[in-house]
Amino acid sequence: MLPISYPHPTGLANPVTLRAAAALPAAGAWDTTPTEFPIIAADIFTLYLTYTRGAAGGAFDFQIQYSPYYADLAGVEDWFNDSALALGGVVLGADTQHLIQAAYTTFESQGATAEMVIYGPIQLERTIERIRVRARESADGVVGTPGTLHIVGVFNGE
């Protein structure tokens, strides 16, 4: 684990706004234009999320997406979803099957006031050029009355 004084990447001023404080899209739709951020010099990042529900039972989903490209390229898939991996059991004399799925995280509110949560720290590899975080009012929440979400990231690196 790196000390709190580990420097932020050169030319980067922390914290970085990855989603301005605003209402989530209606009807549980994902953000259509999440903020992209170049991270080639970052080694670790942490997300700070502030959510104010729109109605009792409100909840939000967020998904980190990564790109190995410095810019969008025509005819190429640019963004890749965060994933979850379940390792299969090892049995002598048989192949092992692992399971992988795209992953997102859900947070459900406990009260009417703004609630703050931290996600991370997340270790990065130098093969990632950009990230973005898309969000939506969760189907586990109240999609007819979306809440407000604000996301900032703090990046550390060389």
C-alpha atoms as a PDB file:
ATOM      1  CA  MET A   1       0.000   0.000   0.000  1.00  0.00           C
ATOM      2  CA  LEU A   2       1.315   3.432  -0.870  1.00  0.00           C
ATOM      3  CA  PRO A   3       1.483   6.213   1.723  1.00  0.00           C
ATOM      4  CA  ILE A   4      -1.054   9.040   1.594  1.00  0.00           C
ATOM      5  CA  SER A   5       1.757  11.341   0.478  1.00  0.00           C
ATOM      6  CA  TYR A   6       2.353   9.330  -2.716  1.00  0.00           C
ATOM      7  CA  PRO A   7       2.408  12.004  -5.441  1.00  0.00           C
ATOM      8  CA  HIS A   8      -0.285  12.622  -8.002  1.00  0.00           C
ATOM      9  CA  PRO A   9       0.757  12.178 -11.648  1.00  0.00           C
ATOM     10  CA  THR A  10       2.675  15.032 -13.227  1.00  0.00           C
ATOM     11  CA  GLY A  11       0.400  17.658 -14.755  1.00  0.00           C
ATOM     12  CA  LEU A  12      -2.666  16.422 -12.868  1.00  0.00           C
ATOM     13  CA  ALA A  13      -4.545  18.421 -10.249  1.00  0.00           C
ATOM     14  CA  ASN A  14      -6.550  16.287  -7.832  1.00  0.00           C
ATOM     15  CA  PRO A  15      -9.437  15.777  -7.290  1.00  0.00           C
ATOM     16  CA  VAL A  16     -10.801  15.251 -10.817  1.00  0.00           C
ATOM     17  CA  THR A  17     -14.530  15.624 -11.487  1.00  0.00           C
ATOM     18  CA  LEU A  18     -15.647  12.485 -13.334  1.00  0.00           C
ATOM     19  CA  ARG A  19     -19.374  13.297 -13.079  1.00  0.00           C
ATOM     20  CA  ALA A  20     -20.640  16.763 -12.280  1.00  0.00           C
ATOM     21  CA  ALA A  21     -23.314  16.871  -9.578  1.00  0.00           C
ATOM     22  CA  ALA A  22     -26.554  16.400 -11.535  1.00  0.00           C
ATOM     23  CA  ALA A  23     -29.671  14.281 -11.675  1.00  0.00           C
ATOM     24  CA  LEU A  24     -29.198  10.794 -13.064  1.00  0.00           C
ATOM     25  CA  PRO A  25     -30.874  10.034 -16.409  1.00  0.00           C
ATOM     26  CA  ALA A  26     -34.594   9.224 -16.386  1.00  0.00           C
ATOM     27  CA  ALA A  27     -36.020   5.702 -16.490  1.00  0.00           C
ATOM     28  CA  GLY A  28     -32.850   3.989 -15.278  1.00  0.00           C
ATOM     29  CA  ALA A  29     -30.834   4.745 -18.432  1.00  0.00           C
ATOM     30  CA  TRP A  30     -27.023   4.899 -18.259  1.00  0.00           C
ATOM     31  CA  ASP A  31     -25.318   8.274 -18.709  1.00  0.00           C
ATOM     32  CA  THR A  32     -24.943   8.756 -22.469  1.00  0.00           C
ATOM     33  CA  THR A  33     -21.758  10.866 -22.392  1.00  0.00           C
ATOM     34  CA  PRO A  34     -19.725  10.061 -19.278  1.00  0.00           C
ATOM     35  CA  THR A  35     -16.666  12.226 -18.711  1.00  0.00           C
ATOM     36  CA  GLU A  36     -13.502  10.661 -20.135  1.00  0.00           C
ATOM     37  CA  PHE A  37     -10.226  11.156 -18.319  1.00  0.00           C
ATOM     38  CA  PRO A  38      -6.649  10.319 -19.468  1.00  0.00           C
ATOM     39  CA  ILE A  39      -4.810   8.266 -16.850  1.00  0.00           C
ATOM     40  CA  ILE A  40      -1.629   7.047 -18.538  1.00  0.00           C
ATOM     41  CA  ALA A  41       0.562   8.390 -15.710  1.00  0.00           C
ATOM     42  CA  ALA A  42      -1.639   7.120 -12.863  1.00  0.00           C
ATOM     43  CA  ASP A  43      -0.985   3.968 -10.864  1.00  0.00           C
ATOM     44  CA  ILE A  44      -3.875   4.066  -8.395  1.00  0.00           C
ATOM     45  CA  PHE A  45      -7.183   5.889  -8.172  1.00  0.00           C
ATOM     46  CA  THR A  46     -10.029   6.204  -5.710  1.00  0.00           C
ATOM     47  CA  LEU A  47     -13.596   7.314  -6.425  1.00  0.00           C
ATOM     48  CA  TYR A  48     -15.588   9.569  -4.095  1.00  0.00           C
ATOM     49  CA  LEU A  49     -19.323   9.401  -4.781  1.00  0.00           C
ATOM     50  CA  THR A  50     -22.035  11.671  -3.351  1.00  0.00           C
ATOM     51  CA  TYR A  51     -25.661  10.603  -3.879  1.00  0.00           C
ATOM     52  CA  THR A  52     -28.884  12.316  -2.879  1.00  0.00           C
ATOM     53  CA  ARG A  53     -31.865  10.118  -3.563  1.00  0.00           C
ATOM     54  CA  GLY A  54     -34.832  11.441  -5.532  1.00  0.00           C
ATOM     55  CA  ALA A  55     -37.347   9.394  -3.534  1.00  0.00           C
ATOM     56  CA  ALA A  56     -37.399   6.955  -0.633  1.00  0.00           C
ATOM     57  CA  GLY A  57     -35.672   3.730  -1.647  1.00  0.00           C
ATOM     58  CA  GLY A  58     -33.436   5.479  -4.194  1.00  0.00           C
ATOM     59  CA  ALA A  59     -30.315   3.676  -5.394  1.00  0.00           C
ATOM     60  CA  PHE A  60     -27.712   4.125  -8.115  1.00  0.00           C
ATOM     61  CA  ASP A  61     -25.466   1.901 -10.208  1.00  0.00           C
ATOM     62  CA  PHE A  62     -22.045   2.892 -11.492  1.00  0.00           C
ATOM     63  CA  GLN A  63     -19.680   1.138 -13.863  1.00  0.00           C
ATOM     64  CA  ILE A  64     -16.030   1.939 -14.503  1.00  0.00           C
ATOM     65  CA  GLN A  65     -15.055   1.675 -18.157  1.00  0.00           C
ATOM     66  CA  TYR A  66     -11.486   1.524 -19.450  1.00  0.00           C
ATOM     67  CA  SER A  67      -9.904   2.280 -22.817  1.00  0.00           C
ATOM     68  CA  PRO A  68      -6.491   1.126 -24.043  1.00  0.00           C
ATOM     69  CA  TYR A  69      -6.583   3.938 -26.635  1.00  0.00           C
ATOM     70  CA  TYR A  70      -5.702   7.603 -26.137  1.00  0.00           C
ATOM     71  CA  ALA A  71      -8.674   8.635 -28.344  1.00  0.00           C
ATOM     72  CA  ASP A  72     -11.704   7.040 -29.969  1.00  0.00           C
ATOM     73  CA  LEU A  73     -10.779   5.158 -33.143  1.00  0.00           C
ATOM     74  CA  ALA A  74     -13.121   4.586 -36.064  1.00  0.00           C
ATOM     75  CA  GLY A  75     -14.234   0.979 -36.412  1.00  0.00           C
ATOM     76  CA  VAL A  76     -12.668  -0.112 -33.109  1.00  0.00           C
ATOM     77  CA  GLU A  77     -14.305  -0.872 -29.775  1.00  0.00           C
ATOM     78  CA  ASP A  78     -12.902   1.853 -27.533  1.00  0.00           C
ATOM     79  CA  TRP A  79     -14.437   1.201 -24.108  1.00  0.00           C
ATOM     80  CA  PHE A  80     -14.360  -1.950 -21.995  1.00  0.00           C
ATOM     81  CA  ASN A  81     -16.520  -2.563 -18.932  1.00  0.00           C
ATOM     82  CA  ASP A  82     -15.159  -3.394 -15.529  1.00  0.00           C
ATOM     83  CA  SER A  83     -15.557  -7.123 -14.924  1.00  0.00           C
ATOM     84  CA  ALA A  84     -15.993  -9.727 -12.227  1.00  0.00           C
ATOM     85  CA  LEU A  85     -14.188 -13.056 -12.342  1.00  0.00           C
ATOM     86  CA  ALA A  86     -15.164 -16.202 -10.456  1.00  0.00           C
ATOM     87  CA  LEU A  87     -12.462 -18.837 -10.463  1.00  0.00           C
ATOM     88  CA  GLY A  88     -13.660 -22.369 -10.995  1.00  0.00           C
ATOM     89  CA  GLY A  89     -12.800 -25.202  -8.663  1.00  0.00           C
ATOM     90  CA  VAL A  90      -9.780 -27.317  -9.498  1.00  0.00           C
ATOM     91  CA  VAL A  91     -10.480 -31.023  -9.798  1.00  0.00           C
ATOM     92  CA  LEU A  92      -7.735 -33.477 -10.610  1.00  0.00           C
ATOM     93  CA  GLY A  93      -8.050 -34.822 -14.157  1.00  0.00           C
ATOM     94  CA  ALA A  94     -10.583 -32.218 -15.355  1.00  0.00           C
ATOM     95  CA  ASP A  95     -10.390 -28.803 -16.971  1.00  0.00           C
ATOM     96  CA  THR A  96     -11.399 -25.814 -14.849  1.00  0.00           C
ATOM     97  CA  GLN A  97     -13.934 -23.277 -16.066  1.00  0.00           C
ATOM     98  CA  HIS A  98     -13.724 -19.656 -14.900  1.00  0.00           C
ATOM     99  CA  LEU A  99     -16.680 -17.307 -15.210  1.00  0.00           C
ATOM    100  CA  ILE A 100     -16.364 -13.654 -16.270  1.00  0.00           C
ATOM    101  CA  GLN A 101     -19.106 -11.053 -16.608  1.00  0.00           C
ATOM    102  CA  ALA A 102     -19.281  -7.308 -17.035  1.00  0.00           C
ATOM    103  CA  ALA A 103     -19.687  -5.780 -13.583  1.00  0.00           C
ATOM    104  CA  TYR A 104     -21.223  -2.708 -12.032  1.00  0.00           C
ATOM    105  CA  THR A 105     -21.744  -1.591  -8.442  1.00  0.00           C
ATOM    106  CA  THR A 106     -25.016  -0.620  -6.744  1.00  0.00           C
ATOM    107  CA  PHE A 107     -25.492   1.700  -3.778  1.00  0.00           C
ATOM    108  CA  GLU A 108     -28.864   2.112  -2.028  1.00  0.00           C
ATOM    109  CA  SER A 109     -29.588   5.179   0.087  1.00  0.00           C
ATOM    110  CA  GLN A 110     -30.451   5.022   3.767  1.00  0.00           C
ATOM    111  CA  GLY A 111     -31.830   8.520   4.187  1.00  0.00           C
ATOM    112  CA  ALA A 112     -32.982  11.693   2.466  1.00  0.00           C
ATOM    113  CA  THR A 113     -29.753  13.662   2.921  1.00  0.00           C
ATOM    114  CA  ALA A 114     -26.677  13.403   0.722  1.00  0.00           C
ATOM    115  CA  GLU A 115     -24.682  10.233   1.334  1.00  0.00           C
ATOM    116  CA  MET A 116     -20.990   9.893   0.582  1.00  0.00           C
ATOM    117  CA  VAL A 117     -19.122   6.664  -0.179  1.00  0.00           C
ATOM    118  CA  ILE A 118     -15.584   5.819  -1.261  1.00  0.00           C
ATOM    119  CA  TYR A 119     -14.752   3.154  -3.849  1.00  0.00           C
ATOM    120  CA  GLY A 120     -11.175   1.971  -4.092  1.00  0.00           C
ATOM    121  CA  PRO A 121      -8.267   2.364  -4.167  1.00  0.00           C
ATOM    122  CA  ILE A 122      -8.035   0.678  -7.549  1.00  0.00           C
ATOM    123  CA  GLN A 123      -4.670  -0.447  -8.917  1.00  0.00           C
ATOM    124  CA  LEU A 124      -4.110   0.469 -12.563  1.00  0.00           C
ATOM    125  CA  GLU A 125      -1.864  -1.009 -15.199  1.00  0.00           C
ATOM    126  CA  ARG A 126       0.092   1.126 -17.642  1.00  0.00           C
ATOM    127  CA  THR A 127      -1.897  -0.421 -20.500  1.00  0.00           C
ATOM    128  CA  ILE A 128      -4.922   1.773 -19.716  1.00  0.00           C
ATOM    129  CA  GLU A 129      -5.039   5.172 -21.404  1.00  0.00           C
ATOM    130  CA  ARG A 130      -8.428   6.539 -20.297  1.00  0.00           C
ATOM    131  CA  ILE A 131     -11.253   5.833 -17.887  1.00  0.00           C
ATOM    132  CA  ARG A 132     -14.818   6.996 -17.499  1.00  0.00           C
ATOM    133  CA  VAL A 133     -17.535   6.180 -14.997  1.00  0.00           C
ATOM    134  CA  ARG A 134     -21.084   5.862 -16.195  1.00  0.00           C
ATOM    135  CA  ALA A 135     -24.031   5.873 -13.813  1.00  0.00           C
ATOM    136  CA  ARG A 136     -27.794   5.411 -13.632  1.00  0.00           C
ATOM    137  CA  GLU A 137     -30.637   5.290 -11.142  1.00  0.00           C
ATOM    138  CA  SER A 138     -30.699   1.610 -10.266  1.00  0.00           C
ATOM    139  CA  ALA A 139     -33.591  -0.706 -11.013  1.00  0.00           C
ATOM    140  CA  ASP A 140     -33.158  -1.576  -7.324  1.00  0.00           C
ATOM    141  CA  GLY A 141     -34.096   2.048  -6.602  1.00  0.00           C
ATOM    142  CA  VAL A 142     -36.802   4.360  -7.954  1.00  0.00           C
ATOM    143  CA  VAL A 143     -36.141   4.872 -11.677  1.00  0.00           C
ATOM    144  CA  GLY A 144     -39.126   7.217 -12.009  1.00  0.00           C
ATOM    145  CA  THR A 145     -37.534   9.681  -9.588  1.00  0.00           C
ATOM    146  CA  PRO A 146     -33.775   9.663 -10.182  1.00  0.00           C
ATOM    147  CA  GLY A 147     -31.455  11.049  -7.564  1.00  0.00           C
ATOM    148  CA  THR A 148     -28.444  13.326  -7.928  1.00  0.00           C
ATOM    149  CA  LEU A 149     -24.936  11.901  -8.199  1.00  0.00           C
ATOM    150  CA  HIS A 150     -21.510  13.540  -8.095  1.00  0.00           C
ATOM    151  CA  ILE A 151     -18.285  11.554  -8.701  1.00  0.00           C
ATOM    152  CA  VAL A 152     -14.709  12.724  -8.208  1.00  0.00           C
ATOM    153  CA  GLY A 153     -11.531  10.732  -8.568  1.00  0.00           C
ATOM    154  CA  VAL A 154      -8.163  11.088  -6.896  1.00  0.00           C
ATOM    155  CA  PHE A 155      -5.246   9.742  -8.912  1.00  0.00           C
ATOM    156  CA  ASN A 156      -1.774   8.805  -7.671  1.00  0.00           C
ATOM    157  CA  GLY A 157       1.270   7.951  -9.726  1.00  0.00           C
ATOM    158  CA  GLU A 158       4.774   8.870 -10.758  1.00  0.00           C
END
